[in-house]
Amino acid sequence: MMEDLVQLIYLIYNPCYAFSEEPTCINVAICQTAKDESASYILAYNSIVTWSISIDGKVTLVYATTERQSIVNLVCSEEIDQLIINEEYERNHYNFTLTSKCACWVKC
């Protein structure tokens, strides 16, 4: 099911700076857009985010809008740079994993 969704959408994410993908996604952190450009949705704003560190050192960012929540799990990697859509675990609640050197402390 999630594989089907991935074939139908583009997901754009910038954890550091707000960006815009007109006409819908203005000054956002995460934007979901249909590949046929029929619809787009704001999944997160950079200004509405909290973060936590688990006891084993895993970092999680939690973003919110009035209608959606996005959880991004950060994985430090010098070699890989990718965003994986893990699941929509509940309607309008998304879980992602960002693997990147920018997920490492003081590497980006």
Protein backbone atom coordinates (compact mmCIF):
# COMPACT_ATOMS: atom_id res chain seq x y z
CA MET A 1 0.00 0.00 0.00
CA MET A 2 2.76 2.48 0.93
CA GLU A 3 4.64 1.45 -2.24
CA ASP A 4 1.56 2.48 -4.27
CA LEU A 5 1.54 5.90 -2.61
CA VAL A 6 5.24 6.42 -3.33
CA GLN A 7 4.57 5.85 -7.04
CA LEU A 8 1.93 8.61 -7.06
CA ILE A 9 3.58 11.45 -5.11
CA TYR A 10 6.65 13.63 -4.78
CA LEU A 11 7.76 14.45 -1.28
CA ILE A 12 9.89 17.55 -0.79
CA TYR A 13 11.59 18.12 2.59
CA ASN A 14 13.99 20.71 3.92
CA PRO A 15 14.59 20.44 7.68
CA CYS A 16 16.70 23.59 7.78
CA TYR A 17 14.92 26.22 5.71
CA ALA A 18 11.35 26.92 4.67
CA PHE A 19 10.68 26.62 0.94
CA SER A 20 7.74 27.13 -1.41
CA GLU A 21 6.17 24.94 -4.09
CA GLU A 22 3.33 27.01 -5.49
CA PRO A 23 0.43 27.23 -5.40
CA THR A 24 -0.25 25.37 -2.12
CA CYS A 25 3.01 24.85 -0.24
CA ILE A 26 4.29 28.25 0.86
CA ASN A 27 7.06 28.58 3.49
CA VAL A 28 6.93 24.90 4.51
CA ALA A 29 9.25 22.14 5.71
CA ILE A 30 7.49 19.22 3.97
CA CYS A 31 5.28 19.31 0.88
CA GLN A 32 3.50 16.36 -0.71
CA THR A 33 2.59 16.78 -4.38
CA ALA A 34 0.83 14.40 -6.76
CA LYS A 35 3.11 13.46 -9.66
CA ASP A 36 0.36 14.57 -12.05
CA GLU A 37 0.29 17.92 -10.17
CA SER A 38 -3.43 17.56 -9.48
CA ALA A 39 -3.02 18.26 -5.75
CA SER A 40 -0.47 19.23 -3.13
CA TYR A 41 -0.55 19.22 0.66
CA ILE A 42 1.40 20.94 3.40
CA LEU A 43 2.71 18.23 5.72
CA ALA A 44 4.87 20.42 7.96
CA TYR A 45 6.09 23.90 8.80
CA ASN A 46 9.62 24.59 10.06
CA SER A 47 8.14 26.93 12.65
CA ILE A 48 6.00 24.22 14.30
CA VAL A 49 8.45 21.49 15.29
CA THR A 50 9.63 19.77 18.44
CA TRP A 51 12.47 17.32 18.78
CA SER A 52 13.55 14.62 21.17
CA ILE A 53 16.53 12.37 21.81
CA SER A 54 15.91 8.84 23.04
CA ILE A 55 18.05 7.21 25.70
CA ASP A 56 19.98 5.40 22.95
CA GLY A 57 20.70 8.69 21.12
CA LYS A 58 18.09 8.52 18.33
CA VAL A 59 16.80 11.93 17.28
CA THR A 60 13.20 12.50 16.19
CA LEU A 61 11.59 15.67 14.82
CA VAL A 62 7.82 16.09 15.17
CA TYR A 63 6.15 18.63 12.89
CA ALA A 64 2.55 19.77 12.92
CA THR A 65 0.02 21.70 10.91
CA THR A 66 -3.60 22.26 11.87
CA GLU A 67 -4.54 19.10 9.95
CA ARG A 68 -1.43 16.88 9.81
CA GLN A 69 1.48 15.55 11.85
CA SER A 70 4.81 14.37 10.46
CA ILE A 71 7.44 12.47 12.42
CA VAL A 72 10.96 12.41 10.97
CA ASN A 73 13.48 9.96 12.42
CA LEU A 74 17.06 11.14 11.85
CA VAL A 75 19.78 8.61 11.00
CA CYS A 76 23.40 9.78 10.75
CA SER A 77 25.20 8.53 7.62
CA GLU A 78 28.22 9.92 5.77
CA GLU A 79 27.41 7.84 2.65
CA ILE A 80 23.62 7.90 2.21
CA ASP A 81 21.36 10.90 1.59
CA GLN A 82 17.69 9.85 1.37
CA LEU A 83 14.23 10.39 2.78
CA ILE A 84 12.13 7.26 3.20
CA ILE A 85 8.37 7.30 3.61
CA ASN A 86 7.78 4.72 6.35
CA GLU A 87 4.02 4.92 6.70
CA GLU A 88 0.88 6.93 7.18
CA TYR A 89 0.20 5.30 10.54
CA GLU A 90 -3.10 7.08 10.99
CA ARG A 91 -5.03 9.39 8.68
CA ASN A 92 -2.91 12.54 8.14
CA HIS A 93 -0.15 11.26 10.45
CA TYR A 94 3.09 10.43 8.63
CA ASN A 95 6.36 8.78 9.59
CA PHE A 96 9.60 9.32 7.66
CA THR A 97 13.28 8.51 8.06
CA LEU A 98 15.94 10.97 6.93
CA THR A 99 19.34 9.34 6.46
CA SER A 100 22.02 11.93 5.80
CA LYS A 101 25.25 13.51 7.02
CA CYS A 102 22.99 16.41 8.01
CA ALA A 103 21.39 14.09 10.57
CA CYS A 104 24.78 13.85 12.31
CA TRP A 105 25.78 16.25 15.07
CA VAL A 106 27.83 19.15 13.60
CA LYS A 107 28.30 17.53 10.18
CA CYS A 108 26.17 19.84 8.07
